[in-house]
Amino acid sequence: MKNLQEEQFSDSKYIKPKRYTYIGKDNKKYTWDFIEALDSVSVFLYHTQKDSFVFVKQFRIPLWDYQKRNNLKLEKMGFSIELCSGLVDKKLSLEEIAKEECIEELGYAPKYIEKIGEFYTGFGSGVSRQFLFYAEISEGDKIGHGGGIDGEDIQAVWIKRKDFEKFSKENPIKTPLLEYAYLWFKGKN
């Protein structure tokens, strides 16, 4: 990624700024600003032959901006480790979107996807739902190279099951959903 520049915007197909005014219990007028955002799907992937989890590492501009604004000098600014995820922005079932994301980001097409749960995020800044799934994959499910679409630069991160807790302690820039999914997996196995 190059030529990163901040710009003002008023229209986006992904988020919509909103403001509500209201009268508080003290009878004073207040405002609340937030964004209307799309829901998303995430998949916790376990590769049975490699006895490993596979996550995605990618550059996230909002993370980079946050780290820059807060003077967090890190070796790899803006890079996160996440579950394979995508927006619910198509007329497909959640499972179909989840499978499509696995193919786009990692090149694997899981045969079966199990729903783990549904979560609400961003209560103060912009509520959306996140649907969490689990899938097992093997080399027989590999159908492409992955890496993302639309200019994304997604890299696969392979973590042996026995090494997850060490990985988790050493990598603070990850989503809470990744940790939750691992605890779900650990409780199941």
N, C-alpha and C. Protein backbone atom coordinates (compact mmCIF):
# COMPACT_ATOMS: atom_id res chain seq x y z
N MET A 1 0.85 -1.17 0.00
CA MET A 1 0.00 0.00 0.00
C MET A 1 0.90 1.23 0.00
N LYS A 2 0.53 2.22 -0.82
CA LYS A 2 1.32 3.44 -0.88
C LYS A 2 0.41 4.65 -1.06
N ASN A 3 0.98 5.85 -0.86
CA ASN A 3 0.25 7.12 -1.00
C ASN A 3 -0.98 7.19 -0.10
N LEU A 4 -0.83 6.80 1.15
CA LEU A 4 -1.92 6.83 2.13
C LEU A 4 -2.20 8.28 2.51
N GLN A 5 -3.42 8.77 2.21
CA GLN A 5 -3.79 10.16 2.49
C GLN A 5 -5.17 10.21 3.13
N GLU A 6 -5.29 11.03 4.15
CA GLU A 6 -6.58 11.22 4.81
C GLU A 6 -7.41 12.21 4.00
N GLU A 7 -8.69 11.90 3.81
CA GLU A 7 -9.61 12.77 3.09
C GLU A 7 -10.92 12.88 3.86
N GLN A 8 -11.63 13.98 3.65
CA GLN A 8 -12.97 14.13 4.21
C GLN A 8 -13.95 13.41 3.30
N PHE A 9 -14.99 12.84 3.87
CA PHE A 9 -16.01 12.20 3.03
C PHE A 9 -17.38 12.40 3.66
N SER A 10 -18.40 12.29 2.83
CA SER A 10 -19.76 12.39 3.34
C SER A 10 -20.62 11.24 2.86
N ASP A 11 -20.08 10.44 1.93
CA ASP A 11 -20.87 9.35 1.38
C ASP A 11 -20.00 8.10 1.28
N SER A 12 -20.51 6.98 1.77
CA SER A 12 -19.78 5.72 1.73
C SER A 12 -20.79 4.59 1.58
N LYS A 13 -20.41 3.55 0.85
CA LYS A 13 -21.32 2.41 0.75
C LYS A 13 -21.17 1.47 1.94
N TYR A 14 -20.18 1.72 2.81
CA TYR A 14 -19.93 0.82 3.94
C TYR A 14 -20.42 1.37 5.29
N ILE A 15 -20.29 2.67 5.48
CA ILE A 15 -20.75 3.27 6.74
C ILE A 15 -21.49 4.57 6.45
N LYS A 16 -22.35 4.95 7.41
CA LYS A 16 -23.13 6.17 7.25
C LYS A 16 -23.11 6.90 8.59
N PRO A 17 -22.52 8.12 8.63
CA PRO A 17 -22.53 8.88 9.88
C PRO A 17 -23.96 9.31 10.23
N LYS A 18 -24.29 9.24 11.51
CA LYS A 18 -25.62 9.65 11.97
C LYS A 18 -25.49 10.46 13.26
N ARG A 19 -26.47 11.32 13.47
CA ARG A 19 -26.53 12.09 14.71
C ARG A 19 -27.97 12.14 15.18
N TYR A 20 -28.17 11.82 16.45
CA TYR A 20 -29.48 11.94 17.08
C TYR A 20 -29.37 12.99 18.19
N THR A 21 -30.43 13.76 18.33
CA THR A 21 -30.53 14.66 19.48
C THR A 21 -31.60 14.10 20.41
N TYR A 22 -31.45 14.38 21.67
CA TYR A 22 -32.42 13.88 22.65
C TYR A 22 -32.38 14.75 23.91
N ILE A 23 -33.41 14.61 24.71
CA ILE A 23 -33.48 15.31 25.99
C ILE A 23 -33.15 14.29 27.08
N GLY A 24 -32.12 14.59 27.87
CA GLY A 24 -31.70 13.70 28.94
C GLY A 24 -32.62 13.79 30.15
N LYS A 25 -32.37 12.95 31.15
CA LYS A 25 -33.23 12.96 32.34
C LYS A 25 -33.10 14.25 33.13
N ASP A 26 -32.06 15.05 32.82
CA ASP A 26 -31.91 16.36 33.46
C ASP A 26 -32.57 17.47 32.65
N ASN A 27 -33.36 17.09 31.62
CA ASN A 27 -34.09 18.00 30.74
C ASN A 27 -33.18 18.89 29.88
N LYS A 28 -31.92 18.51 29.69
CA LYS A 28 -31.01 19.22 28.79
C LYS A 28 -30.94 18.47 27.46
N LYS A 29 -30.66 19.24 26.40
CA LYS A 29 -30.56 18.65 25.07
C LYS A 29 -29.14 18.11 24.85
N TYR A 30 -29.06 16.91 24.28
CA TYR A 30 -27.77 16.26 23.99
C TYR A 30 -27.78 15.73 22.57
N THR A 31 -26.58 15.41 22.07
CA THR A 31 -26.46 14.75 20.77
C THR A 31 -25.64 13.48 20.94
N TRP A 32 -25.88 12.53 20.04
CA TRP A 32 -25.10 11.29 20.02
C TRP A 32 -24.74 11.01 18.56
N ASP A 33 -23.44 10.99 18.28
CA ASP A 33 -22.95 10.70 16.94
C ASP A 33 -22.50 9.25 16.87
N PHE A 34 -22.81 8.60 15.76
CA PHE A 34 -22.36 7.22 15.56
C PHE A 34 -22.39 6.90 14.08
N ILE A 35 -21.99 5.69 13.74
CA ILE A 35 -22.04 5.26 12.35
C ILE A 35 -23.00 4.09 12.19
N GLU A 36 -23.68 4.07 11.08
CA GLU A 36 -24.49 2.91 10.70
C GLU A 36 -23.55 2.02 9.88
N ALA A 37 -23.35 0.79 10.32
CA ALA A 37 -22.38 -0.09 9.66
C ALA A 37 -23.04 -1.41 9.25
N LEU A 38 -22.40 -2.11 8.34
CA LEU A 38 -22.90 -3.41 7.88
C LEU A 38 -22.54 -4.51 8.87
N ASP A 39 -23.34 -5.56 8.89
CA ASP A 39 -23.03 -6.74 9.68
C ASP A 39 -21.88 -7.49 9.02
N SER A 40 -21.29 -8.45 9.76
CA SER A 40 -20.17 -9.20 9.22
C SER A 40 -20.22 -10.66 9.65
N VAL A 41 -19.46 -11.48 8.94
CA VAL A 41 -19.28 -12.89 9.29
C VAL A 41 -17.79 -13.11 9.57
N SER A 42 -17.50 -14.05 10.47
CA SER A 42 -16.12 -14.44 10.77
C SER A 42 -16.08 -15.95 10.91
N VAL A 43 -14.96 -16.56 10.48
CA VAL A 43 -14.84 -18.01 10.51
C VAL A 43 -13.55 -18.40 11.24
N PHE A 44 -13.70 -19.23 12.26
CA PHE A 44 -12.56 -19.81 12.98
C PHE A 44 -12.22 -21.11 12.26
N LEU A 45 -11.08 -21.14 11.59
CA LEU A 45 -10.70 -22.27 10.74
C LEU A 45 -9.66 -23.16 11.41
N TYR A 46 -9.92 -24.46 11.38
CA TYR A 46 -8.98 -25.45 11.91
C TYR A 46 -8.62 -26.42 10.78
N HIS A 47 -7.33 -26.51 10.49
CA HIS A 47 -6.83 -27.42 9.46
C HIS A 47 -6.50 -28.75 10.13
N THR A 48 -7.27 -29.77 9.81
CA THR A 48 -7.15 -31.06 10.51
C THR A 48 -5.82 -31.75 10.23
N GLN A 49 -5.33 -31.70 9.01
CA GLN A 49 -4.07 -32.38 8.68
C GLN A 49 -2.86 -31.70 9.30
N LYS A 50 -2.91 -30.39 9.40
CA LYS A 50 -1.78 -29.64 9.97
C LYS A 50 -1.93 -29.42 11.47
N ASP A 51 -3.06 -29.86 12.05
CA ASP A 51 -3.37 -29.61 13.46
C ASP A 51 -3.09 -28.15 13.81
N SER A 52 -3.60 -27.27 12.96
CA SER A 52 -3.32 -25.84 13.09
C SER A 52 -4.57 -25.00 12.82
N PHE A 53 -4.57 -23.83 13.42
CA PHE A 53 -5.57 -22.82 13.11
C PHE A 53 -4.97 -21.94 12.02
N VAL A 54 -5.82 -21.39 11.19
CA VAL A 54 -5.33 -20.44 10.19
C VAL A 54 -6.13 -19.15 10.32
N PHE A 55 -5.37 -18.06 10.49
CA PHE A 55 -5.93 -16.73 10.64
C PHE A 55 -5.45 -15.88 9.47
N VAL A 56 -5.91 -14.65 9.41
CA VAL A 56 -5.44 -13.74 8.37
C VAL A 56 -4.72 -12.56 9.00
N LYS A 57 -3.68 -12.14 8.32
CA LYS A 57 -2.93 -10.94 8.71
C LYS A 57 -3.12 -9.95 7.58
N GLN A 58 -3.56 -8.74 7.95
CA GLN A 58 -3.75 -7.73 6.92
C GLN A 58 -3.60 -6.33 7.47
N PHE A 59 -3.31 -5.41 6.58
CA PHE A 59 -3.16 -4.01 6.93
C PHE A 59 -4.54 -3.39 7.04
N ARG A 60 -4.79 -2.73 8.18
CA ARG A 60 -6.07 -2.06 8.42
C ARG A 60 -5.81 -0.58 8.64
N ILE A 61 -6.31 0.25 7.75
CA ILE A 61 -6.06 1.69 7.86
C ILE A 61 -6.57 2.26 9.18
N PRO A 62 -7.78 1.91 9.68
CA PRO A 62 -8.20 2.46 10.97
C PRO A 62 -7.25 2.08 12.12
N LEU A 63 -6.70 0.88 12.10
CA LEU A 63 -5.73 0.47 13.12
C LEU A 63 -4.46 1.29 13.00
N TRP A 64 -3.96 1.46 11.77
CA TRP A 64 -2.77 2.27 11.53
C TRP A 64 -2.99 3.70 12.04
N ASP A 65 -4.15 4.28 11.72
CA ASP A 65 -4.48 5.64 12.15
C ASP A 65 -4.50 5.73 13.68
N TYR A 66 -5.12 4.74 14.32
CA TYR A 66 -5.18 4.72 15.79
C TYR A 66 -3.78 4.66 16.38
N GLN A 67 -2.95 3.76 15.86
CA GLN A 67 -1.59 3.61 16.38
C GLN A 67 -0.79 4.89 16.17
N LYS A 68 -0.97 5.53 15.03
CA LYS A 68 -0.27 6.78 14.73
C LYS A 68 -0.72 7.90 15.67
N ARG A 69 -2.04 8.06 15.83
CA ARG A 69 -2.57 9.12 16.70
C ARG A 69 -2.15 8.95 18.15
N ASN A 70 -1.96 7.71 18.58
CA ASN A 70 -1.60 7.43 19.97
C ASN A 70 -0.11 7.16 20.16
N ASN A 71 0.69 7.51 19.16
CA ASN A 71 2.15 7.36 19.22
C ASN A 71 2.59 5.97 19.63
N LEU A 72 1.91 4.96 19.12
CA LEU A 72 2.30 3.58 19.39
C LEU A 72 3.27 3.16 18.30
N LYS A 73 4.53 3.23 18.59
CA LYS A 73 5.57 2.91 17.61
C LYS A 73 5.79 1.41 17.58
N LEU A 74 5.21 0.77 16.60
CA LEU A 74 5.32 -0.68 16.47
C LEU A 74 6.06 -1.03 15.20
N GLU A 75 6.68 -2.19 15.20
CA GLU A 75 7.43 -2.63 14.03
C GLU A 75 6.54 -2.74 12.79
N LYS A 76 5.34 -3.25 12.96
CA LYS A 76 4.41 -3.44 11.84
C LYS A 76 3.14 -2.64 12.11
N MET A 77 3.20 -1.35 11.90
CA MET A 77 2.05 -0.48 12.15
C MET A 77 0.88 -0.86 11.23
N GLY A 78 -0.31 -0.97 11.83
CA GLY A 78 -1.53 -1.18 11.07
C GLY A 78 -1.87 -2.61 10.73
N PHE A 79 -1.02 -3.56 11.11
CA PHE A 79 -1.30 -4.96 10.78
C PHE A 79 -2.02 -5.65 11.93
N SER A 80 -3.08 -6.36 11.58
CA SER A 80 -3.87 -7.09 12.58
C SER A 80 -3.85 -8.57 12.24
N ILE A 81 -4.13 -9.38 13.25
CA ILE A 81 -4.34 -10.81 13.04
C ILE A 81 -5.79 -11.07 13.40
N GLU A 82 -6.53 -11.64 12.46
CA GLU A 82 -7.98 -11.77 12.61
C GLU A 82 -8.46 -13.13 12.13
N LEU A 83 -9.71 -13.40 12.43
CA LEU A 83 -10.38 -14.53 11.80
C LEU A 83 -10.66 -14.15 10.36
N CYS A 84 -10.85 -15.13 9.52
CA CYS A 84 -11.27 -14.90 8.15
C CYS A 84 -12.66 -14.26 8.24
N SER A 85 -12.83 -13.06 7.67
CA SER A 85 -14.06 -12.30 7.88
C SER A 85 -14.46 -11.51 6.65
N GLY A 86 -15.73 -11.11 6.63
CA GLY A 86 -16.21 -10.26 5.55
C GLY A 86 -17.55 -9.64 5.89
N LEU A 87 -17.90 -8.64 5.11
CA LEU A 87 -19.17 -7.93 5.32
C LEU A 87 -20.34 -8.71 4.75
N VAL A 88 -21.49 -8.54 5.39
CA VAL A 88 -22.74 -9.10 4.88
C VAL A 88 -23.31 -8.04 3.93
N ASP A 89 -22.82 -8.09 2.69
CA ASP A 89 -23.21 -7.08 1.71
C ASP A 89 -23.71 -7.68 0.40
N LYS A 90 -24.10 -8.95 0.46
CA LYS A 90 -24.59 -9.65 -0.73
C LYS A 90 -25.89 -10.36 -0.41
N LYS A 91 -26.64 -10.69 -1.42
CA LYS A 91 -27.90 -11.43 -1.24
C LYS A 91 -27.60 -12.93 -1.19
N LEU A 92 -26.79 -13.34 -0.22
CA LEU A 92 -26.43 -14.74 0.00
C LEU A 92 -26.71 -15.08 1.45
N SER A 93 -26.79 -16.36 1.76
CA SER A 93 -26.93 -16.75 3.17
C SER A 93 -25.63 -16.42 3.90
N LEU A 94 -25.71 -16.32 5.21
CA LEU A 94 -24.52 -16.04 6.01
C LEU A 94 -23.45 -17.11 5.78
N GLU A 95 -23.88 -18.37 5.70
CA GLU A 95 -22.94 -19.47 5.47
C GLU A 95 -22.25 -19.35 4.11
N GLU A 96 -23.01 -18.93 3.10
CA GLU A 96 -22.43 -18.75 1.76
C GLU A 96 -21.41 -17.62 1.75
N ILE A 97 -21.72 -16.53 2.45
CA ILE A 97 -20.79 -15.41 2.54
C ILE A 97 -19.53 -15.85 3.28
N ALA A 98 -19.70 -16.60 4.37
CA ALA A 98 -18.54 -17.08 5.14
C ALA A 98 -17.64 -17.96 4.27
N LYS A 99 -18.23 -18.86 3.52
CA LYS A 99 -17.45 -19.74 2.64
C LYS A 99 -16.73 -18.93 1.57
N GLU A 100 -17.43 -17.97 0.99
CA GLU A 100 -16.83 -17.11 -0.04
C GLU A 100 -15.62 -16.37 0.51
N GLU A 101 -15.71 -15.89 1.75
CA GLU A 101 -14.59 -15.19 2.37
C GLU A 101 -13.39 -16.12 2.57
N CYS A 102 -13.65 -17.37 2.96
CA CYS A 102 -12.56 -18.34 3.14
C CYS A 102 -11.82 -18.56 1.82
N ILE A 103 -12.57 -18.61 0.73
CA ILE A 103 -11.97 -18.80 -0.59
C ILE A 103 -11.17 -17.56 -0.99
N GLU A 104 -11.77 -16.37 -0.86
CA GLU A 104 -11.11 -15.13 -1.26
C GLU A 104 -9.85 -14.86 -0.45
N GLU A 105 -9.92 -15.05 0.86
CA GLU A 105 -8.81 -14.67 1.72
C GLU A 105 -7.74 -15.74 1.86
N LEU A 106 -8.15 -17.02 1.87
CA LEU A 106 -7.19 -18.09 2.15
C LEU A 106 -7.11 -19.19 1.09
N GLY A 107 -8.05 -19.20 0.16
CA GLY A 107 -8.03 -20.19 -0.90
C GLY A 107 -8.64 -21.54 -0.53
N TYR A 108 -9.30 -21.63 0.62
CA TYR A 108 -9.93 -22.88 1.07
C TYR A 108 -11.45 -22.76 0.99
N ALA A 109 -12.09 -23.84 0.54
CA ALA A 109 -13.55 -23.90 0.47
C ALA A 109 -14.04 -24.96 1.46
N PRO A 110 -14.38 -24.56 2.69
CA PRO A 110 -14.85 -25.54 3.67
C PRO A 110 -16.11 -26.24 3.18
N LYS A 111 -16.20 -27.53 3.46
CA LYS A 111 -17.39 -28.30 3.06
C LYS A 111 -18.57 -28.04 3.99
N TYR A 112 -18.28 -27.81 5.27
CA TYR A 112 -19.34 -27.62 6.26
C TYR A 112 -18.94 -26.47 7.18
N ILE A 113 -19.87 -25.56 7.41
CA ILE A 113 -19.62 -24.42 8.29
C ILE A 113 -20.66 -24.46 9.41
N GLU A 114 -20.18 -24.43 10.64
CA GLU A 114 -21.05 -24.51 11.83
C GLU A 114 -21.13 -23.14 12.50
N LYS A 115 -22.35 -22.70 12.79
CA LYS A 115 -22.52 -21.41 13.47
C LYS A 115 -22.20 -21.57 14.95
N ILE A 116 -21.32 -20.71 15.44
CA ILE A 116 -20.97 -20.69 16.87
C ILE A 116 -21.87 -19.72 17.61
N GLY A 117 -22.09 -18.55 17.03
CA GLY A 117 -22.91 -17.56 17.72
C GLY A 117 -23.06 -16.27 16.94
N GLU A 118 -23.77 -15.35 17.56
CA GLU A 118 -24.07 -14.05 16.97
C GLU A 118 -23.82 -13.01 18.05
N PHE A 119 -23.12 -11.93 17.69
CA PHE A 119 -22.71 -10.93 18.67
C PHE A 119 -22.98 -9.53 18.15
N TYR A 120 -23.30 -8.64 19.06
CA TYR A 120 -23.46 -7.23 18.73
C TYR A 120 -22.17 -6.51 19.12
N THR A 121 -21.73 -5.58 18.27
CA THR A 121 -20.50 -4.83 18.56
C THR A 121 -20.77 -3.33 18.44
N GLY A 122 -19.88 -2.54 19.04
CA GLY A 122 -19.89 -1.09 18.87
C GLY A 122 -21.07 -0.36 19.45
N PHE A 123 -21.52 -0.74 20.64
CA PHE A 123 -22.73 -0.13 21.21
C PHE A 123 -22.68 1.40 21.27
N GLY A 124 -21.52 1.97 21.51
CA GLY A 124 -21.43 3.42 21.63
C GLY A 124 -21.14 4.14 20.34
N SER A 125 -20.52 3.45 19.37
CA SER A 125 -20.06 4.15 18.17
C SER A 125 -20.72 3.70 16.88
N GLY A 126 -21.40 2.59 16.89
CA GLY A 126 -22.07 2.13 15.68
C GLY A 126 -22.35 0.65 15.74
N VAL A 127 -23.57 0.27 16.02
CA VAL A 127 -23.91 -1.13 16.26
C VAL A 127 -23.99 -1.92 14.95
N SER A 128 -23.40 -3.10 15.00
CA SER A 128 -23.56 -4.07 13.92
C SER A 128 -23.51 -5.45 14.55
N ARG A 129 -23.95 -6.45 13.80
CA ARG A 129 -23.89 -7.83 14.29
C ARG A 129 -22.73 -8.54 13.62
N GLN A 130 -22.12 -9.42 14.39
CA GLN A 130 -21.04 -10.24 13.88
C GLN A 130 -21.45 -11.69 14.08
N PHE A 131 -21.48 -12.44 12.99
CA PHE A 131 -21.88 -13.84 13.03
C PHE A 131 -20.61 -14.69 12.99
N LEU A 132 -20.44 -15.54 14.00
CA LEU A 132 -19.22 -16.33 14.15
C LEU A 132 -19.48 -17.78 13.76
N PHE A 133 -18.61 -18.31 12.91
CA PHE A 133 -18.70 -19.68 12.43
C PHE A 133 -17.41 -20.44 12.70
N TYR A 134 -17.52 -21.76 12.63
CA TYR A 134 -16.37 -22.66 12.74
C TYR A 134 -16.37 -23.58 11.53
N ALA A 135 -15.18 -23.86 11.01
CA ALA A 135 -15.06 -24.81 9.91
C ALA A 135 -13.74 -25.55 10.00
N GLU A 136 -13.80 -26.82 9.65
CA GLU A 136 -12.58 -27.61 9.53
C GLU A 136 -12.23 -27.71 8.05
N ILE A 137 -10.93 -27.60 7.77
CA ILE A 137 -10.46 -27.69 6.40
C ILE A 137 -9.31 -28.69 6.32
N SER A 138 -9.04 -29.13 5.09
CA SER A 138 -7.89 -30.00 4.81
C SER A 138 -7.32 -29.56 3.46
N GLU A 139 -6.24 -30.16 3.05
CA GLU A 139 -5.65 -29.79 1.76
C GLU A 139 -6.59 -30.12 0.60
N GLY A 140 -7.50 -31.05 0.81
CA GLY A 140 -8.49 -31.36 -0.22
C GLY A 140 -9.46 -30.22 -0.47
N ASP A 141 -9.54 -29.26 0.46
CA ASP A 141 -10.42 -28.10 0.33
C ASP A 141 -9.74 -26.91 -0.34
N LYS A 142 -8.45 -27.03 -0.63
CA LYS A 142 -7.69 -25.93 -1.23
C LYS A 142 -8.08 -25.81 -2.70
N ILE A 143 -8.64 -24.64 -3.07
CA ILE A 143 -9.07 -24.46 -4.46
C ILE A 143 -8.47 -23.20 -5.09
N GLY A 144 -7.71 -22.42 -4.34
CA GLY A 144 -7.14 -21.19 -4.87
C GLY A 144 -5.98 -20.71 -4.03
N HIS A 145 -5.50 -19.51 -4.39
CA HIS A 145 -4.35 -18.94 -3.68
C HIS A 145 -4.74 -18.07 -2.50
N GLY A 146 -5.96 -17.55 -2.49
CA GLY A 146 -6.35 -16.62 -1.44
C GLY A 146 -5.66 -15.28 -1.64
N GLY A 147 -5.46 -14.55 -0.56
CA GLY A 147 -4.78 -13.26 -0.64
C GLY A 147 -5.69 -12.06 -0.70
N GLY A 148 -6.99 -12.29 -0.86
CA GLY A 148 -7.94 -11.18 -0.86
C GLY A 148 -8.29 -10.71 -2.26
N ILE A 149 -9.18 -9.72 -2.30
CA ILE A 149 -9.63 -9.11 -3.56
C ILE A 149 -9.59 -7.60 -3.39
N ASP A 150 -9.85 -6.88 -4.46
CA ASP A 150 -9.97 -5.41 -4.43
C ASP A 150 -8.78 -4.74 -3.75
N GLY A 151 -7.56 -5.15 -4.09
CA GLY A 151 -6.37 -4.50 -3.54
C GLY A 151 -5.97 -4.96 -2.15
N GLU A 152 -6.68 -5.92 -1.58
CA GLU A 152 -6.31 -6.42 -0.26
C GLU A 152 -4.98 -7.17 -0.36
N ASP A 153 -4.25 -7.19 0.73
CA ASP A 153 -3.00 -7.96 0.80
C ASP A 153 -3.09 -8.82 2.05
N ILE A 154 -3.76 -9.95 1.92
CA ILE A 154 -4.03 -10.83 3.06
C ILE A 154 -3.04 -11.98 3.06
N GLN A 155 -2.46 -12.21 4.23
CA GLN A 155 -1.50 -13.31 4.39
C GLN A 155 -2.07 -14.31 5.39
N ALA A 156 -1.85 -15.58 5.12
CA ALA A 156 -2.27 -16.63 6.04
C ALA A 156 -1.30 -16.70 7.21
N VAL A 157 -1.84 -16.86 8.41
CA VAL A 157 -1.04 -17.06 9.62
C VAL A 157 -1.43 -18.41 10.19
N TRP A 158 -0.48 -19.35 10.20
CA TRP A 158 -0.72 -20.71 10.68
C TRP A 158 -0.20 -20.84 12.10
N ILE A 159 -1.06 -21.29 13.01
CA ILE A 159 -0.68 -21.49 14.40
C ILE A 159 -1.04 -22.92 14.80
N LYS A 160 -0.03 -23.68 15.20
CA LYS A 160 -0.27 -25.04 15.69
C LYS A 160 -1.21 -24.96 16.89
N ARG A 161 -2.10 -25.92 17.00
CA ARG A 161 -3.06 -25.92 18.11
C ARG A 161 -2.34 -25.83 19.45
N LYS A 162 -1.25 -26.57 19.63
CA LYS A 162 -0.52 -26.59 20.90
C LYS A 162 0.17 -25.25 21.20
N ASP A 163 0.33 -24.39 20.19
CA ASP A 163 1.03 -23.12 20.36
C ASP A 163 0.11 -21.91 20.47
N PHE A 164 -1.22 -22.13 20.45
CA PHE A 164 -2.13 -20.99 20.40
C PHE A 164 -1.97 -20.06 21.61
N GLU A 165 -1.91 -20.59 22.80
CA GLU A 165 -1.87 -19.73 23.98
C GLU A 165 -0.60 -18.89 24.02
N LYS A 166 0.51 -19.44 23.59
CA LYS A 166 1.77 -18.67 23.49
C LYS A 166 1.60 -17.58 22.43
N PHE A 167 1.06 -17.94 21.28
CA PHE A 167 0.80 -16.98 20.21
C PHE A 167 -0.08 -15.84 20.72
N SER A 168 -1.12 -16.18 21.46
CA SER A 168 -2.07 -15.19 21.95
C SER A 168 -1.39 -14.18 22.88
N LYS A 169 -0.53 -14.66 23.75
CA LYS A 169 0.18 -13.76 24.68
C LYS A 169 1.16 -12.86 23.96
N GLU A 170 1.76 -13.35 22.89
CA GLU A 170 2.80 -12.60 22.19
C GLU A 170 2.24 -11.66 21.11
N ASN A 171 0.97 -11.75 20.80
CA ASN A 171 0.37 -10.95 19.73
C ASN A 171 -0.86 -10.21 20.22
N PRO A 172 -0.67 -9.02 20.79
CA PRO A 172 -1.81 -8.29 21.35
C PRO A 172 -2.75 -7.69 20.30
N ILE A 173 -2.30 -7.56 19.05
CA ILE A 173 -3.13 -6.89 18.05
C ILE A 173 -3.96 -7.94 17.31
N LYS A 174 -5.01 -8.36 18.00
CA LYS A 174 -5.95 -9.34 17.46
C LYS A 174 -7.33 -8.99 18.01
N THR A 175 -8.34 -9.57 17.41
CA THR A 175 -9.70 -9.25 17.84
C THR A 175 -10.13 -10.13 19.01
N PRO A 176 -11.02 -9.63 19.87
CA PRO A 176 -11.54 -10.46 20.96
C PRO A 176 -12.28 -11.69 20.44
N LEU A 177 -12.88 -11.57 19.26
CA LEU A 177 -13.62 -12.69 18.68
C LEU A 177 -12.70 -13.89 18.41
N LEU A 178 -11.46 -13.62 18.06
CA LEU A 178 -10.48 -14.69 17.83
C LEU A 178 -10.26 -15.46 19.13
N GLU A 179 -10.11 -14.73 20.23
CA GLU A 179 -9.92 -15.37 21.54
C GLU A 179 -11.17 -16.16 21.94
N TYR A 180 -12.34 -15.56 21.73
CA TYR A 180 -13.58 -16.24 22.08
C TYR A 180 -13.73 -17.54 21.30
N ALA A 181 -13.44 -17.48 20.00
CA ALA A 181 -13.56 -18.68 19.16
C ALA A 181 -12.62 -19.78 19.64
N TYR A 182 -11.42 -19.40 20.04
CA TYR A 182 -10.48 -20.41 20.55
C TYR A 182 -11.03 -21.05 21.83
N LEU A 183 -11.57 -20.25 22.73
CA LEU A 183 -12.13 -20.80 23.98
C LEU A 183 -13.30 -21.73 23.67
N TRP A 184 -14.12 -21.37 22.68
CA TRP A 184 -15.21 -22.25 22.25
C TRP A 184 -14.64 -23.57 21.74
N PHE A 185 -13.62 -23.49 20.90
CA PHE A 185 -12.98 -24.69 20.33
C PHE A 185 -12.39 -25.55 21.45
N LYS A 186 -11.70 -24.91 22.37
CA LYS A 186 -11.06 -25.63 23.48
C LYS A 186 -12.11 -26.34 24.34
N GLY A 187 -13.24 -25.70 24.58
CA GLY A 187 -14.32 -26.30 25.36
C GLY A 187 -14.99 -27.46 24.65
N LYS A 188 -14.95 -27.41 23.33
CA LYS A 188 -15.58 -28.46 22.52
C LYS A 188 -14.69 -29.69 22.39
N ASN A 189 -13.38 -29.49 22.48
CA ASN A 189 -12.43 -30.58 22.23
C ASN A 189 -11.71 -31.03 23.49
